[in-house]
């Protein structure tokens, strides 16, 4: 009976380039399953000619691949998806900043009324 794997790392915590070991931690899968993903012909790993015989991939490109967006097959769609992903992160950060600012203003207002 196999043990249940659980994710022990988030995409945000992962380094910019990931190996099968990090992918396994992110997805909560075994290292052999992560290596099988890396070994797929359409998986967007960094060329061995560039970095030697080591399995590495850009984490954002790997994330898109896991989500079903295959960079090697459709670069325009992949690029647009990456732009959309980054815009979502920026929007979320801006919303958090606005909420913090609004909270601080309301807190000051309440403190001034109580003084």
C-alpha atoms as a PDB file:
ATOM      1  CA  UNK A   1       0.000   0.000   0.000  1.00  0.00           C
ATOM      2  CA  UNK A   2       1.407   3.356  -0.994  1.00  0.00           C
ATOM      3  CA  UNK A   3       1.553   6.317   1.339  1.00  0.00           C
ATOM      4  CA  UNK A   4      -0.326   9.435   0.477  1.00  0.00           C
ATOM      5  CA  UNK A   5       1.850  12.310  -0.760  1.00  0.00           C
ATOM      6  CA  UNK A   6       0.906  15.854   0.099  1.00  0.00           C
ATOM      7  CA  UNK A   7       2.345  19.068  -1.334  1.00  0.00           C
ATOM      8  CA  UNK A   8       5.130  20.461   0.851  1.00  0.00           C
ATOM      9  CA  UNK A   9       5.995  23.483  -1.296  1.00  0.00           C
ATOM     10  CA  UNK A  10       3.947  26.095  -3.150  1.00  0.00           C
ATOM     11  CA  UNK A  11       4.731  27.456  -6.602  1.00  0.00           C
ATOM     12  CA  UNK A  12       5.570  30.788  -4.955  1.00  0.00           C
ATOM     13  CA  UNK A  13       8.082  29.159  -2.597  1.00  0.00           C
ATOM     14  CA  UNK A  14       9.812  27.215  -5.375  1.00  0.00           C
ATOM     15  CA  UNK A  15      13.035  28.512  -6.953  1.00  0.00           C
ATOM     16  CA  UNK A  16      12.819  30.062 -10.411  1.00  0.00           C
ATOM     17  CA  UNK A  17      14.150  26.873 -11.990  1.00  0.00           C
ATOM     18  CA  UNK A  18      12.865  23.582 -10.644  1.00  0.00           C
ATOM     19  CA  UNK A  19      14.011  19.990 -10.808  1.00  0.00           C
ATOM     20  CA  UNK A  20      11.850  16.858 -10.574  1.00  0.00           C
ATOM     21  CA  UNK A  21      12.454  16.959  -6.806  1.00  0.00           C
ATOM     22  CA  UNK A  22      10.821  20.406  -6.443  1.00  0.00           C
ATOM     23  CA  UNK A  23       8.015  19.457  -8.848  1.00  0.00           C
ATOM     24  CA  UNK A  24       7.272  16.412  -6.679  1.00  0.00           C
ATOM     25  CA  UNK A  25       7.105  18.618  -3.576  1.00  0.00           C
ATOM     26  CA  UNK A  26       4.853  21.169  -5.297  1.00  0.00           C
ATOM     27  CA  UNK A  27       2.398  18.627  -6.714  1.00  0.00           C
ATOM     28  CA  UNK A  28       2.513  16.202  -3.804  1.00  0.00           C
ATOM     29  CA  UNK A  29       3.591  13.311  -6.006  1.00  0.00           C
ATOM     30  CA  UNK A  30       6.457  10.854  -5.864  1.00  0.00           C
ATOM     31  CA  UNK A  31       9.828  11.735  -7.350  1.00  0.00           C
ATOM     32  CA  UNK A  32       9.478   9.007  -9.992  1.00  0.00           C
ATOM     33  CA  UNK A  33       6.177  10.478 -11.193  1.00  0.00           C
ATOM     34  CA  UNK A  34       7.787  13.925 -11.349  1.00  0.00           C
ATOM     35  CA  UNK A  35      10.693  12.483 -13.382  1.00  0.00           C
ATOM     36  CA  UNK A  36       8.175  10.882 -15.738  1.00  0.00           C
ATOM     37  CA  UNK A  37       6.622  14.318 -16.310  1.00  0.00           C
ATOM     38  CA  UNK A  38      10.085  15.799 -16.981  1.00  0.00           C
ATOM     39  CA  UNK A  39      10.828  12.981 -19.448  1.00  0.00           C
ATOM     40  CA  UNK A  40       7.763  13.669 -21.624  1.00  0.00           C
ATOM     41  CA  UNK A  41       8.843  14.905 -25.068  1.00  0.00           C
ATOM     42  CA  UNK A  42       6.636  18.006 -24.889  1.00  0.00           C
ATOM     43  CA  UNK A  43       7.622  19.009 -21.339  1.00  0.00           C
ATOM     44  CA  UNK A  44       9.377  22.408 -21.518  1.00  0.00           C
ATOM     45  CA  UNK A  45      12.605  21.556 -19.709  1.00  0.00           C
ATOM     46  CA  UNK A  46      15.770  23.577 -20.199  1.00  0.00           C
ATOM     47  CA  UNK A  47      17.965  22.076 -22.905  1.00  0.00           C
ATOM     48  CA  UNK A  48      20.724  19.743 -21.714  1.00  0.00           C
ATOM     49  CA  UNK A  49      22.977  21.515 -24.208  1.00  0.00           C
ATOM     50  CA  UNK A  50      22.559  24.671 -22.089  1.00  0.00           C
ATOM     51  CA  UNK A  51      22.895  23.250 -18.572  1.00  0.00           C
ATOM     52  CA  UNK A  52      24.337  19.755 -18.887  1.00  0.00           C
ATOM     53  CA  UNK A  53      22.716  16.464 -17.970  1.00  0.00           C
ATOM     54  CA  UNK A  54      20.482  17.882 -15.262  1.00  0.00           C
ATOM     55  CA  UNK A  55      16.712  18.080 -15.365  1.00  0.00           C
ATOM     56  CA  UNK A  56      15.608  21.672 -14.807  1.00  0.00           C
ATOM     57  CA  UNK A  57      12.653  23.730 -15.986  1.00  0.00           C
ATOM     58  CA  UNK A  58      11.453  27.278 -15.513  1.00  0.00           C
ATOM     59  CA  UNK A  59       8.821  27.037 -12.783  1.00  0.00           C
ATOM     60  CA  UNK A  60       6.282  29.321 -14.492  1.00  0.00           C
ATOM     61  CA  UNK A  61       6.538  27.441 -17.783  1.00  0.00           C
ATOM     62  CA  UNK A  62       6.270  24.128 -15.911  1.00  0.00           C
ATOM     63  CA  UNK A  63       3.224  25.473 -14.063  1.00  0.00           C
ATOM     64  CA  UNK A  64       1.542  26.377 -17.344  1.00  0.00           C
ATOM     65  CA  UNK A  65       2.354  22.916 -18.701  1.00  0.00           C
ATOM     66  CA  UNK A  66       0.755  21.279 -15.662  1.00  0.00           C
ATOM     67  CA  UNK A  67      -2.317  23.461 -16.278  1.00  0.00           C
ATOM     68  CA  UNK A  68      -2.520  22.110 -19.827  1.00  0.00           C
ATOM     69  CA  UNK A  69      -0.881  24.982 -21.707  1.00  0.00           C
ATOM     70  CA  UNK A  70       1.870  23.472 -23.788  1.00  0.00           C
ATOM     71  CA  UNK A  71       4.459  26.130 -24.642  1.00  0.00           C
ATOM     72  CA  UNK A  72       6.274  24.066 -27.265  1.00  0.00           C
ATOM     73  CA  UNK A  73       3.069  23.521 -29.247  1.00  0.00           C
ATOM     74  CA  UNK A  74       1.500  26.973 -29.063  1.00  0.00           C
ATOM     75  CA  UNK A  75       3.858  29.766 -28.150  1.00  0.00           C
ATOM     76  CA  UNK A  76       1.319  32.580 -28.731  1.00  0.00           C
ATOM     77  CA  UNK A  77      -1.230  31.012 -26.363  1.00  0.00           C
ATOM     78  CA  UNK A  78       1.500  30.312 -23.835  1.00  0.00           C
ATOM     79  CA  UNK A  79       2.786  33.864 -23.934  1.00  0.00           C
ATOM     80  CA  UNK A  80      -0.709  35.278 -23.496  1.00  0.00           C
ATOM     81  CA  UNK A  81      -1.316  32.898 -20.609  1.00  0.00           C
ATOM     82  CA  UNK A  82       1.875  34.005 -18.891  1.00  0.00           C
ATOM     83  CA  UNK A  83       0.896  37.658 -19.327  1.00  0.00           C
ATOM     84  CA  UNK A  84      -2.565  36.920 -17.929  1.00  0.00           C
ATOM     85  CA  UNK A  85      -1.029  35.067 -14.967  1.00  0.00           C
ATOM     86  CA  UNK A  86       1.273  38.007 -14.167  1.00  0.00           C
ATOM     87  CA  UNK A  87      -1.592  40.492 -14.488  1.00  0.00           C
ATOM     88  CA  UNK A  88      -3.645  38.419 -12.038  1.00  0.00           C
ATOM     89  CA  UNK A  89      -0.777  38.538  -9.526  1.00  0.00           C
ATOM     90  CA  UNK A  90      -0.372  42.309  -9.951  1.00  0.00           C
ATOM     91  CA  UNK A  91      -4.117  42.878  -9.592  1.00  0.00           C
ATOM     92  CA  UNK A  92      -4.269  40.735  -6.456  1.00  0.00           C
ATOM     93  CA  UNK A  93      -1.330  42.629  -4.913  1.00  0.00           C
ATOM     94  CA  UNK A  94      -2.914  45.994  -5.757  1.00  0.00           C
ATOM     95  CA  UNK A  95      -6.212  44.914  -4.200  1.00  0.00           C
ATOM     96  CA  UNK A  96      -4.414  43.861  -1.014  1.00  0.00           C
ATOM     97  CA  UNK A  97      -2.595  47.209  -0.866  1.00  0.00           C
ATOM     98  CA  UNK A  98      -5.884  49.087  -1.352  1.00  0.00           C
ATOM     99  CA  UNK A  99      -7.570  47.060   1.390  1.00  0.00           C
ATOM    100  CA  UNK A 100      -4.691  47.728   3.785  1.00  0.00           C
ATOM    101  CA  UNK A 101      -4.825  51.439   3.031  1.00  0.00           C
ATOM    102  CA  UNK A 102      -8.603  51.532   3.484  1.00  0.00           C
ATOM    103  CA  UNK A 103      -8.281  49.640   6.775  1.00  0.00           C
ATOM    104  CA  UNK A 104      -5.664  52.076   8.081  1.00  0.00           C
ATOM    105  CA  UNK A 105      -7.837  55.085   7.156  1.00  0.00           C
ATOM    106  CA  UNK A 106     -10.859  53.597   8.900  1.00  0.00           C
ATOM    107  CA  UNK A 107      -8.757  52.696  11.931  1.00  0.00           C
ATOM    108  CA  UNK A 108      -7.484  56.290  12.159  1.00  0.00           C
ATOM    109  CA  UNK A 109     -11.013  57.614  11.795  1.00  0.00           C
ATOM    110  CA  UNK A 110     -12.283  55.410  14.637  1.00  0.00           C
ATOM    111  CA  UNK A 111      -9.325  56.357  16.826  1.00  0.00           C
ATOM    112  CA  UNK A 112      -9.963  60.076  16.174  1.00  0.00           C
ATOM    113  CA  UNK A 113     -13.650  59.704  17.041  1.00  0.00           C
ATOM    114  CA  UNK A 114     -12.775  57.955  20.312  1.00  0.00           C
ATOM    115  CA  UNK A 115     -10.245  60.641  21.330  1.00  0.00           C
END
